Amino acid sequence: MIDNAPARGTCTLCGEAIGSATALYCVACLRAHTISCPECVKPDGKLVAKYNQHQGHPTRECSRCGEQHTEDRRLRCATCNNDRVIFQVPEEAKK
C-alpha cells in the first residue's frame, strides 16, 4: 500500500491493507487472479474474429458470425460481456 494513504480496508484474499473501504481485493491479488477470457481471446492474445467489429454481406451468410446481415456488428461474449478478462476467485477463498 502507498505510505501516504491511510488503510481503510483489507484484501479479503491476502489480508493486505488497502486504501479503499469498499474494495474487496488488493491490486496484487486482482492481477494474480485475472485471466484472459477463454471464449473470446485466443491463446496467442488475439481476439476471436466474430467478436471484432465486422460487416456482413447482404446475400451471403457472414463467415465470422454465421448470420446474414449488412450492418456493422460486434458480437457480445456471453462469458465476459466483452470485458476480455475474467477474475477467478481461488477455491480456498470461496469457503
PDB file of N, CA and C in Angstrom:
ATOM      1  N   MET A   1       0.836  -1.179   0.000  1.00  0.00           N
ATOM      2  CA  MET A   1       0.000   0.000   0.000  1.00  0.00           C
ATOM      3  C   MET A   1       0.882   1.244   0.000  1.00  0.00           C
ATOM      4  N   ILE A   2       0.413   2.327  -0.557  1.00  0.00           N
ATOM      5  CA  ILE A   2       1.142   3.588  -0.598  1.00  0.00           C
ATOM      6  C   ILE A   2       1.199   4.167   0.811  1.00  0.00           C
ATOM      7  N   ASP A   3       2.377   4.654   1.200  1.00  0.00           N
ATOM      8  CA  ASP A   3       2.580   5.133   2.569  1.00  0.00           C
ATOM      9  C   ASP A   3       1.731   6.343   2.930  1.00  0.00           C
ATOM     10  N   ASN A   4       1.453   7.221   1.973  1.00  0.00           N
ATOM     11  CA  ASN A   4       0.728   8.446   2.311  1.00  0.00           C
ATOM     12  C   ASN A   4      -0.797   8.264   2.340  1.00  0.00           C
ATOM     13  N   ALA A   5      -1.300   7.107   1.968  1.00  0.00           N
ATOM     14  CA  ALA A   5      -2.744   6.845   2.005  1.00  0.00           C
ATOM     15  C   ALA A   5      -3.056   5.964   3.213  1.00  0.00           C
ATOM     16  N   PRO A   6      -3.965   6.385   4.062  1.00  0.00           N
ATOM     17  CA  PRO A   6      -4.293   5.564   5.233  1.00  0.00           C
ATOM     18  C   PRO A   6      -5.049   4.301   4.821  1.00  0.00           C
ATOM     19  N   ALA A   7      -4.817   3.225   5.536  1.00  0.00           N
ATOM     20  CA  ALA A   7      -5.531   1.975   5.271  1.00  0.00           C
ATOM     21  C   ALA A   7      -6.987   2.140   5.680  1.00  0.00           C
ATOM     22  N   ARG A   8      -7.883   1.792   4.750  1.00  0.00           N
ATOM     23  CA  ARG A   8      -9.316   1.905   5.048  1.00  0.00           C
ATOM     24  C   ARG A   8      -9.998   0.553   4.994  1.00  0.00           C
ATOM     25  N   GLY A   9      -9.254  -0.468   4.564  1.00  0.00           N
ATOM     26  CA  GLY A   9      -9.821  -1.805   4.475  1.00  0.00           C
ATOM     27  C   GLY A   9      -8.715  -2.824   4.302  1.00  0.00           C
ATOM     28  N   THR A  10      -9.101  -4.080   4.159  1.00  0.00           N
ATOM     29  CA  THR A  10      -8.123  -5.136   3.930  1.00  0.00           C
ATOM     30  C   THR A  10      -8.579  -6.018   2.786  1.00  0.00           C
ATOM     31  N   CYS A  11      -7.602  -6.589   2.094  1.00  0.00           N
ATOM     32  CA  CYS A  11      -7.879  -7.513   0.999  1.00  0.00           C
ATOM     33  C   CYS A  11      -8.459  -8.793   1.585  1.00  0.00           C
ATOM     34  N   THR A  12      -9.536  -9.291   1.004  1.00  0.00           N
ATOM     35  CA  THR A  12     -10.180 -10.496   1.528  1.00  0.00           C
ATOM     36  C   THR A  12      -9.407 -11.766   1.188  1.00  0.00           C
ATOM     37  N   LEU A  13      -8.457 -11.688   0.252  1.00  0.00           N
ATOM     38  CA  LEU A  13      -7.667 -12.859  -0.109  1.00  0.00           C
ATOM     39  C   LEU A  13      -6.373 -12.965   0.686  1.00  0.00           C
ATOM     40  N   CYS A  14      -5.616 -11.868   0.771  1.00  0.00           N
ATOM     41  CA  CYS A  14      -4.299 -11.939   1.413  1.00  0.00           C
ATOM     42  C   CYS A  14      -4.205 -11.166   2.725  1.00  0.00           C
ATOM     43  N   GLY A  15      -5.187 -10.333   3.029  1.00  0.00           N
ATOM     44  CA  GLY A  15      -5.180  -9.583   4.275  1.00  0.00           C
ATOM     45  C   GLY A  15      -4.369  -8.306   4.239  1.00  0.00           C
ATOM     46  N   GLU A  16      -3.836  -7.952   3.078  1.00  0.00           N
ATOM     47  CA  GLU A  16      -3.047  -6.730   2.917  1.00  0.00           C
ATOM     48  C   GLU A  16      -3.937  -5.508   3.133  1.00  0.00           C
ATOM     49  N   ALA A  17      -3.385  -4.490   3.779  1.00  0.00           N
ATOM     50  CA  ALA A  17      -4.129  -3.240   3.978  1.00  0.00           C
ATOM     51  C   ALA A  17      -4.283  -2.533   2.644  1.00  0.00           C
ATOM     52  N   ILE A  18      -5.483  -2.036   2.367  1.00  0.00           N
ATOM     53  CA  ILE A  18      -5.747  -1.305   1.119  1.00  0.00           C
ATOM     54  C   ILE A  18      -6.388   0.043   1.452  1.00  0.00           C
ATOM     55  N   GLY A  19      -6.261   0.984   0.546  1.00  0.00           N
ATOM     56  CA  GLY A  19      -6.737   2.348   0.777  1.00  0.00           C
ATOM     57  C   GLY A  19      -8.198   2.557   0.472  1.00  0.00           C
ATOM     58  N   SER A  20      -8.932   1.503   0.157  1.00  0.00           N
ATOM     59  CA  SER A  20     -10.340   1.631  -0.186  1.00  0.00           C
ATOM     60  C   SER A  20     -11.186   0.906   0.852  1.00  0.00           C
ATOM     61  N   ALA A  21     -12.258   1.537   1.253  1.00  0.00           N
ATOM     62  CA  ALA A  21     -13.165   0.914   2.215  1.00  0.00           C
ATOM     63  C   ALA A  21     -14.147  -0.036   1.532  1.00  0.00           C
ATOM     64  N   THR A  22     -14.303   0.080   0.206  1.00  0.00           N
ATOM     65  CA  THR A  22     -15.284  -0.737  -0.494  1.00  0.00           C
ATOM     66  C   THR A  22     -14.665  -1.836  -1.356  1.00  0.00           C
ATOM     67  N   ALA A  23     -13.375  -1.746  -1.664  1.00  0.00           N
ATOM     68  CA  ALA A  23     -12.724  -2.761  -2.491  1.00  0.00           C
ATOM     69  C   ALA A  23     -12.563  -4.053  -1.702  1.00  0.00           C
ATOM     70  N   LEU A  24     -12.705  -5.175  -2.391  1.00  0.00           N
ATOM     71  CA  LEU A  24     -12.559  -6.471  -1.738  1.00  0.00           C
ATOM     72  C   LEU A  24     -11.146  -7.031  -1.866  1.00  0.00           C
ATOM     73  N   TYR A  25     -10.426  -6.615  -2.917  1.00  0.00           N
ATOM     74  CA  TYR A  25      -9.128  -7.210  -3.211  1.00  0.00           C
ATOM     75  C   TYR A  25      -8.082  -6.128  -3.438  1.00  0.00           C
ATOM     76  N   CYS A  26      -6.826  -6.439  -3.114  1.00  0.00           N
ATOM     77  CA  CYS A  26      -5.727  -5.512  -3.407  1.00  0.00           C
ATOM     78  C   CYS A  26      -5.346  -5.651  -4.886  1.00  0.00           C
ATOM     79  N   VAL A  27      -4.567  -4.733  -5.376  1.00  0.00           N
ATOM     80  CA  VAL A  27      -4.167  -4.739  -6.784  1.00  0.00           C
ATOM     81  C   VAL A  27      -3.365  -5.987  -7.117  1.00  0.00           C
ATOM     82  N   ALA A  28      -2.498  -6.420  -6.223  1.00  0.00           N
ATOM     83  CA  ALA A  28      -1.686  -7.617  -6.472  1.00  0.00           C
ATOM     84  C   ALA A  28      -2.554  -8.859  -6.648  1.00  0.00           C
ATOM     85  N   CYS A  29      -3.576  -9.011  -5.825  1.00  0.00           N
ATOM     86  CA  CYS A  29      -4.478 -10.157  -5.942  1.00  0.00           C
ATOM     87  C   CYS A  29      -5.333 -10.058  -7.209  1.00  0.00           C
ATOM     88  N   LEU A  30      -5.776  -8.859  -7.551  1.00  0.00           N
ATOM     89  CA  LEU A  30      -6.533  -8.681  -8.796  1.00  0.00           C
ATOM     90  C   LEU A  30      -5.708  -9.114  -9.998  1.00  0.00           C
ATOM     91  N   ARG A  31      -4.455  -8.687 -10.045  1.00  0.00           N
ATOM     92  CA  ARG A  31      -3.583  -9.054 -11.171  1.00  0.00           C
ATOM     93  C   ARG A  31      -3.282 -10.545 -11.180  1.00  0.00           C
ATOM     94  N   ALA A  32      -3.073 -11.117 -10.014  1.00  0.00           N
ATOM     95  CA  ALA A  32      -2.716 -12.530  -9.928  1.00  0.00           C
ATOM     96  C   ALA A  32      -3.862 -13.455 -10.332  1.00  0.00           C
ATOM     97  N   HIS A  33      -5.100 -13.034 -10.116  1.00  0.00           N
ATOM     98  CA  HIS A  33      -6.246 -13.903 -10.358  1.00  0.00           C
ATOM     99  C   HIS A  33      -7.098 -13.474 -11.546  1.00  0.00           C
ATOM    100  N   THR A  34      -6.610 -12.550 -12.369  1.00  0.00           N
ATOM    101  CA  THR A  34      -7.319 -12.128 -13.570  1.00  0.00           C
ATOM    102  C   THR A  34      -6.713 -12.834 -14.773  1.00  0.00           C
ATOM    103  N   ILE A  35      -7.556 -13.472 -15.575  1.00  0.00           N
ATOM    104  CA  ILE A  35      -7.092 -14.188 -16.763  1.00  0.00           C
ATOM    105  C   ILE A  35      -7.831 -13.665 -17.993  1.00  0.00           C
ATOM    106  N   SER A  36      -7.268 -13.923 -19.160  1.00  0.00           N
ATOM    107  CA  SER A  36      -7.953 -13.580 -20.414  1.00  0.00           C
ATOM    108  C   SER A  36      -9.149 -14.504 -20.591  1.00  0.00           C
ATOM    109  N   CYS A  37     -10.199 -13.976 -21.160  1.00  0.00           N
ATOM    110  CA  CYS A  37     -11.413 -14.759 -21.388  1.00  0.00           C
ATOM    111  C   CYS A  37     -11.115 -15.888 -22.381  1.00  0.00           C
ATOM    112  N   PRO A  38     -11.341 -17.144 -22.007  1.00  0.00           N
ATOM    113  CA  PRO A  38     -11.050 -18.258 -22.920  1.00  0.00           C
ATOM    114  C   PRO A  38     -12.021 -18.338 -24.094  1.00  0.00           C
ATOM    115  N   GLU A  39     -13.170 -17.689 -23.988  1.00  0.00           N
ATOM    116  CA  GLU A  39     -14.176 -17.731 -25.045  1.00  0.00           C
ATOM    117  C   GLU A  39     -13.832 -16.794 -26.210  1.00  0.00           C
ATOM    118  N   CYS A  40     -13.362 -15.583 -25.907  1.00  0.00           N
ATOM    119  CA  CYS A  40     -13.191 -14.602 -26.978  1.00  0.00           C
ATOM    120  C   CYS A  40     -11.740 -14.185 -27.238  1.00  0.00           C
ATOM    121  N   VAL A  41     -10.793 -14.631 -26.414  1.00  0.00           N
ATOM    122  CA  VAL A  41      -9.382 -14.314 -26.644  1.00  0.00           C
ATOM    123  C   VAL A  41      -8.637 -15.613 -26.915  1.00  0.00           C
ATOM    124  N   LYS A  42      -7.936 -15.668 -28.055  1.00  0.00           N
ATOM    125  CA  LYS A  42      -7.172 -16.853 -28.411  1.00  0.00           C
ATOM    126  C   LYS A  42      -5.939 -16.971 -27.509  1.00  0.00           C
ATOM    127  N   PRO A  43      -5.343 -18.158 -27.437  1.00  0.00           N
ATOM    128  CA  PRO A  43      -4.131 -18.328 -26.615  1.00  0.00           C
ATOM    129  C   PRO A  43      -2.979 -17.398 -27.007  1.00  0.00           C
ATOM    130  N   ASP A  44      -2.940 -16.964 -28.261  1.00  0.00           N
ATOM    131  CA  ASP A  44      -1.876 -16.042 -28.683  1.00  0.00           C
ATOM    132  C   ASP A  44      -2.200 -14.585 -28.354  1.00  0.00           C
ATOM    133  N   GLY A  45      -3.355 -14.331 -27.702  1.00  0.00           N
ATOM    134  CA  GLY A  45      -3.720 -12.987 -27.275  1.00  0.00           C
ATOM    135  C   GLY A  45      -4.583 -12.218 -28.254  1.00  0.00           C
ATOM    136  N   LYS A  46      -4.833 -12.768 -29.430  1.00  0.00           N
ATOM    137  CA  LYS A  46      -5.671 -12.080 -30.418  1.00  0.00           C
ATOM    138  C   LYS A  46      -7.137 -12.372 -30.162  1.00  0.00           C
ATOM    139  N   LEU A  47      -7.976 -11.440 -30.568  1.00  0.00           N
ATOM    140  CA  LEU A  47      -9.415 -11.566 -30.379  1.00  0.00           C
ATOM    141  C   LEU A  47      -9.994 -12.507 -31.437  1.00  0.00           C
ATOM    142  N   VAL A  48     -10.927 -13.368 -31.036  1.00  0.00           N
ATOM    143  CA  VAL A  48     -11.616 -14.254 -31.970  1.00  0.00           C
ATOM    144  C   VAL A  48     -12.374 -13.381 -32.968  1.00  0.00           C
ATOM    145  N   ALA A  49     -12.327 -13.741 -34.243  1.00  0.00           N
ATOM    146  CA  ALA A  49     -12.836 -12.899 -35.332  1.00  0.00           C
ATOM    147  C   ALA A  49     -14.275 -12.433 -35.143  1.00  0.00           C
ATOM    148  N   LYS A  50     -15.160 -13.285 -34.652  1.00  0.00           N
ATOM    149  CA  LYS A  50     -16.567 -12.887 -34.554  1.00  0.00           C
ATOM    150  C   LYS A  50     -16.801 -11.816 -33.494  1.00  0.00           C
ATOM    151  N   TYR A  51     -15.850 -11.598 -32.587  1.00  0.00           N
ATOM    152  CA  TYR A  51     -16.004 -10.573 -31.564  1.00  0.00           C
ATOM    153  C   TYR A  51     -15.378  -9.242 -31.982  1.00  0.00           C
ATOM    154  N   ASN A  52     -14.695  -9.200 -33.136  1.00  0.00           N
ATOM    155  CA  ASN A  52     -14.232  -7.943 -33.712  1.00  0.00           C
ATOM    156  C   ASN A  52     -15.376  -7.313 -34.482  1.00  0.00           C
ATOM    157  N   GLN A  53     -15.345  -6.000 -34.638  1.00  0.00           N
ATOM    158  CA  GLN A  53     -16.391  -5.354 -35.428  1.00  0.00           C
ATOM    159  C   GLN A  53     -16.206  -5.752 -36.883  1.00  0.00           C
ATOM    160  N   HIS A  54     -17.281  -6.139 -37.516  1.00  0.00           N
ATOM    161  CA  HIS A  54     -17.213  -6.597 -38.904  1.00  0.00           C
ATOM    162  C   HIS A  54     -18.523  -6.287 -39.618  1.00  0.00           C
ATOM    163  N   GLN A  55     -18.461  -6.306 -40.931  1.00  0.00           N
ATOM    164  CA  GLN A  55     -19.655  -6.066 -41.748  1.00  0.00           C
ATOM    165  C   GLN A  55     -19.937  -7.321 -42.556  1.00  0.00           C
ATOM    166  N   GLY A  56     -21.191  -7.684 -42.637  1.00  0.00           N
ATOM    167  CA  GLY A  56     -21.589  -8.870 -43.381  1.00  0.00           C
ATOM    168  C   GLY A  56     -21.828  -8.572 -44.846  1.00  0.00           C
ATOM    169  N   HIS A  57     -22.402  -9.531 -45.514  1.00  0.00           N
ATOM    170  CA  HIS A  57     -22.729  -9.403 -46.934  1.00  0.00           C
ATOM    171  C   HIS A  57     -24.235  -9.561 -47.074  1.00  0.00           C
ATOM    172  N   PRO A  58     -24.881  -8.733 -47.897  1.00  0.00           N
ATOM    173  CA  PRO A  58     -26.358  -8.755 -47.958  1.00  0.00           C
ATOM    174  C   PRO A  58     -26.953 -10.060 -48.490  1.00  0.00           C
ATOM    175  N   THR A  59     -26.216 -10.827 -49.271  1.00  0.00           N
ATOM    176  CA  THR A  59     -26.804 -12.028 -49.868  1.00  0.00           C
ATOM    177  C   THR A  59     -26.207 -13.327 -49.349  1.00  0.00           C
ATOM    178  N   ARG A  60     -25.138 -13.251 -48.589  1.00  0.00           N
ATOM    179  CA  ARG A  60     -24.491 -14.473 -48.093  1.00  0.00           C
ATOM    180  C   ARG A  60     -24.451 -14.483 -46.572  1.00  0.00           C
ATOM    181  N   GLU A  61     -24.268 -15.672 -46.039  1.00  0.00           N
ATOM    182  CA  GLU A  61     -24.103 -15.826 -44.599  1.00  0.00           C
ATOM    183  C   GLU A  61     -22.708 -15.315 -44.209  1.00  0.00           C
ATOM    184  N   CYS A  62     -22.622 -14.569 -43.123  1.00  0.00           N
ATOM    185  CA  CYS A  62     -21.361 -13.998 -42.665  1.00  0.00           C
ATOM    186  C   CYS A  62     -20.406 -15.109 -42.237  1.00  0.00           C
ATOM    187  N   SER A  63     -19.178 -15.041 -42.701  1.00  0.00           N
ATOM    188  CA  SER A  63     -18.204 -16.074 -42.351  1.00  0.00           C
ATOM    189  C   SER A  63     -17.726 -15.955 -40.911  1.00  0.00           C
ATOM    190  N   ARG A  64     -17.938 -14.806 -40.295  1.00  0.00           N
ATOM    191  CA  ARG A  64     -17.487 -14.616 -38.913  1.00  0.00           C
ATOM    192  C   ARG A  64     -18.526 -15.069 -37.891  1.00  0.00           C
ATOM    193  N   CYS A  65     -19.775 -14.620 -38.073  1.00  0.00           N
ATOM    194  CA  CYS A  65     -20.773 -14.928 -37.046  1.00  0.00           C
ATOM    195  C   CYS A  65     -21.848 -15.898 -37.513  1.00  0.00           C
ATOM    196  N   GLY A  66     -21.857 -16.255 -38.781  1.00  0.00           N
ATOM    197  CA  GLY A  66     -22.795 -17.253 -39.270  1.00  0.00           C
ATOM    198  C   GLY A  66     -24.197 -16.758 -39.550  1.00  0.00           C
ATOM    199  N   GLU A  67     -24.407 -15.452 -39.536  1.00  0.00           N
ATOM    200  CA  GLU A  67     -25.726 -14.892 -39.812  1.00  0.00           C
ATOM    201  C   GLU A  67     -25.662 -14.003 -41.039  1.00  0.00           C
ATOM    202  N   GLN A  68     -26.811 -13.717 -41.630  1.00  0.00           N
ATOM    203  CA  GLN A  68     -26.868 -12.824 -42.782  1.00  0.00           C
ATOM    204  C   GLN A  68     -27.186 -11.417 -42.291  1.00  0.00           C
ATOM    205  N   HIS A  69     -26.279 -10.470 -42.530  1.00  0.00           N
ATOM    206  CA  HIS A  69     -26.502  -9.094 -42.093  1.00  0.00           C
ATOM    207  C   HIS A  69     -25.701  -8.146 -42.968  1.00  0.00           C
ATOM    208  N   THR A  70     -26.129  -6.895 -43.016  1.00  0.00           N
ATOM    209  CA  THR A  70     -25.408  -5.889 -43.795  1.00  0.00           C
ATOM    210  C   THR A  70     -24.800  -4.815 -42.901  1.00  0.00           C
ATOM    211  N   GLU A  71     -25.327  -4.642 -41.705  1.00  0.00           N
ATOM    212  CA  GLU A  71     -24.828  -3.603 -40.805  1.00  0.00           C
ATOM    213  C   GLU A  71     -23.547  -4.085 -40.106  1.00  0.00           C
ATOM    214  N   ASP A  72     -22.809  -3.128 -39.559  1.00  0.00           N
ATOM    215  CA  ASP A  72     -21.625  -3.468 -38.776  1.00  0.00           C
ATOM    216  C   ASP A  72     -22.061  -4.173 -37.508  1.00  0.00           C
ATOM    217  N   ARG A  73     -21.309  -5.190 -37.123  1.00  0.00           N
ATOM    218  CA  ARG A  73     -21.651  -5.968 -35.935  1.00  0.00           C
ATOM    219  C   ARG A  73     -20.426  -6.229 -35.090  1.00  0.00           C
ATOM    220  N   ARG A  74     -20.653  -6.313 -33.821  1.00  0.00           N
ATOM    221  CA  ARG A  74     -19.650  -6.793 -32.872  1.00  0.00           C
ATOM    222  C   ARG A  74     -20.418  -7.669 -31.892  1.00  0.00           C
ATOM    223  N   LEU A  75     -20.205  -8.968 -31.969  1.00  0.00           N
ATOM    224  CA  LEU A  75     -20.943  -9.873 -31.100  1.00  0.00           C
ATOM    225  C   LEU A  75     -20.497  -9.713 -29.653  1.00  0.00           C
ATOM    226  N   ARG A  76     -21.412  -9.931 -28.736  1.00  0.00           N
ATOM    227  CA  ARG A  76     -21.113  -9.825 -27.304  1.00  0.00           C
ATOM    228  C   ARG A  76     -20.764 -11.213 -26.780  1.00  0.00           C
ATOM    229  N   CYS A  77     -19.659 -11.291 -26.072  1.00  0.00           N
ATOM    230  CA  CYS A  77     -19.220 -12.547 -25.460  1.00  0.00           C
ATOM    231  C   CYS A  77     -20.083 -12.804 -24.225  1.00  0.00           C
ATOM    232  N   ALA A  78     -20.699 -13.965 -24.173  1.00  0.00           N
ATOM    233  CA  ALA A  78     -21.559 -14.309 -23.039  1.00  0.00           C
ATOM    234  C   ALA A  78     -20.758 -14.576 -21.773  1.00  0.00           C
ATOM    235  N   THR A  79     -19.503 -14.961 -21.919  1.00  0.00           N
ATOM    236  CA  THR A  79     -18.679 -15.295 -20.763  1.00  0.00           C
ATOM    237  C   THR A  79     -18.188 -14.056 -20.025  1.00  0.00           C
ATOM    238  N   CYS A  80     -17.658 -13.068 -20.774  1.00  0.00           N
ATOM    239  CA  CYS A  80     -17.046 -11.901 -20.119  1.00  0.00           C
ATOM    240  C   CYS A  80     -17.758 -10.583 -20.415  1.00  0.00           C
ATOM    241  N   ASN A  81     -18.815 -10.613 -21.211  1.00  0.00           N
ATOM    242  CA  ASN A  81     -19.564  -9.408 -21.572  1.00  0.00           C
ATOM    243  C   ASN A  81     -18.660  -8.371 -22.253  1.00  0.00           C
ATOM    244  N   ASN A  82     -17.739  -8.854 -23.064  1.00  0.00           N
ATOM    245  CA  ASN A  82     -16.775  -8.053 -23.823  1.00  0.00           C
ATOM    246  C   ASN A  82     -15.772  -7.290 -22.948  1.00  0.00           C
ATOM    247  N   ASP A  83     -15.585  -7.735 -21.706  1.00  0.00           N
ATOM    248  CA  ASP A  83     -14.531  -7.157 -20.875  1.00  0.00           C
ATOM    249  C   ASP A  83     -13.177  -7.754 -21.229  1.00  0.00           C
ATOM    250  N   ARG A  84     -13.176  -8.952 -21.825  1.00  0.00           N
ATOM    251  CA  ARG A  84     -11.987  -9.676 -22.286  1.00  0.00           C
ATOM    252  C   ARG A  84     -11.145 -10.265 -21.162  1.00  0.00           C
ATOM    253  N   VAL A  85     -11.514 -10.027 -19.922  1.00  0.00           N
ATOM    254  CA  VAL A  85     -10.809 -10.625 -18.786  1.00  0.00           C
ATOM    255  C   VAL A  85     -11.831 -11.179 -17.798  1.00  0.00           C
ATOM    256  N   ILE A  86     -11.405 -12.164 -17.015  1.00  0.00           N
ATOM    257  CA  ILE A  86     -12.262 -12.786 -16.014  1.00  0.00           C
ATOM    258  C   ILE A  86     -11.474 -12.863 -14.719  1.00  0.00           C
ATOM    259  N   PHE A  87     -12.095 -12.449 -13.624  1.00  0.00           N
ATOM    260  CA  PHE A  87     -11.474 -12.567 -12.312  1.00  0.00           C
ATOM    261  C   PHE A  87     -11.936 -13.874 -11.700  1.00  0.00           C
ATOM    262  N   GLN A  88     -10.985 -14.754 -11.380  1.00  0.00           N
ATOM    263  CA  GLN A  88     -11.318 -16.044 -10.794  1.00  0.00           C
ATOM    264  C   GLN A  88     -10.918 -16.047  -9.329  1.00  0.00           C
ATOM    265  N   VAL A  89     -11.892 -16.147  -8.459  1.00  0.00           N
ATOM    266  CA  VAL A  89     -11.626 -16.212  -7.022  1.00  0.00           C
ATOM    267  C   VAL A  89     -11.076 -17.603  -6.714  1.00  0.00           C
ATOM    268  N   PRO A  90      -9.951 -17.691  -6.013  1.00  0.00           N
ATOM    269  CA  PRO A  90      -9.379 -19.002  -5.690  1.00  0.00           C
ATOM    270  C   PRO A  90     -10.351 -19.835  -4.838  1.00  0.00           C
ATOM    271  N   GLU A  91     -10.275 -21.152  -4.964  1.00  0.00           N
ATOM    272  CA  GLU A  91     -11.178 -22.066  -4.250  1.00  0.00           C
ATOM    273  C   GLU A  91     -11.105 -21.889  -2.737  1.00  0.00           C
ATOM    274  N   GLU A  92      -9.901 -21.684  -2.178  1.00  0.00           N
ATOM    275  CA  GLU A  92      -9.781 -21.575  -0.725  1.00  0.00           C
ATOM    276  C   GLU A  92     -10.438 -20.288  -0.203  1.00  0.00           C
ATOM    277  N   ALA A  93     -10.570 -19.277  -1.051  1.00  0.00           N
ATOM    278  CA  ALA A  93     -11.216 -18.032  -0.638  1.00  0.00           C
ATOM    279  C   ALA A  93     -12.734 -18.128  -0.699  1.00  0.00           C
ATOM    280  N   LYS A  94     -13.263 -19.064  -1.484  1.00  0.00           N
ATOM    281  CA  LYS A  94     -14.713 -19.207  -1.632  1.00  0.00           C
ATOM    282  C   LYS A  94     -15.355 -19.819  -0.395  1.00  0.00           C
ATOM    283  N   LYS A  95     -14.591 -20.542   0.396  1.00  0.00           N
ATOM    284  CA  LYS A  95     -15.135 -21.255   1.561  1.00  0.00           C
ATOM    285  C   LYS A  95     -15.404 -20.356   2.718  1.00  0.00           C
TER     286      LYS A  95
END
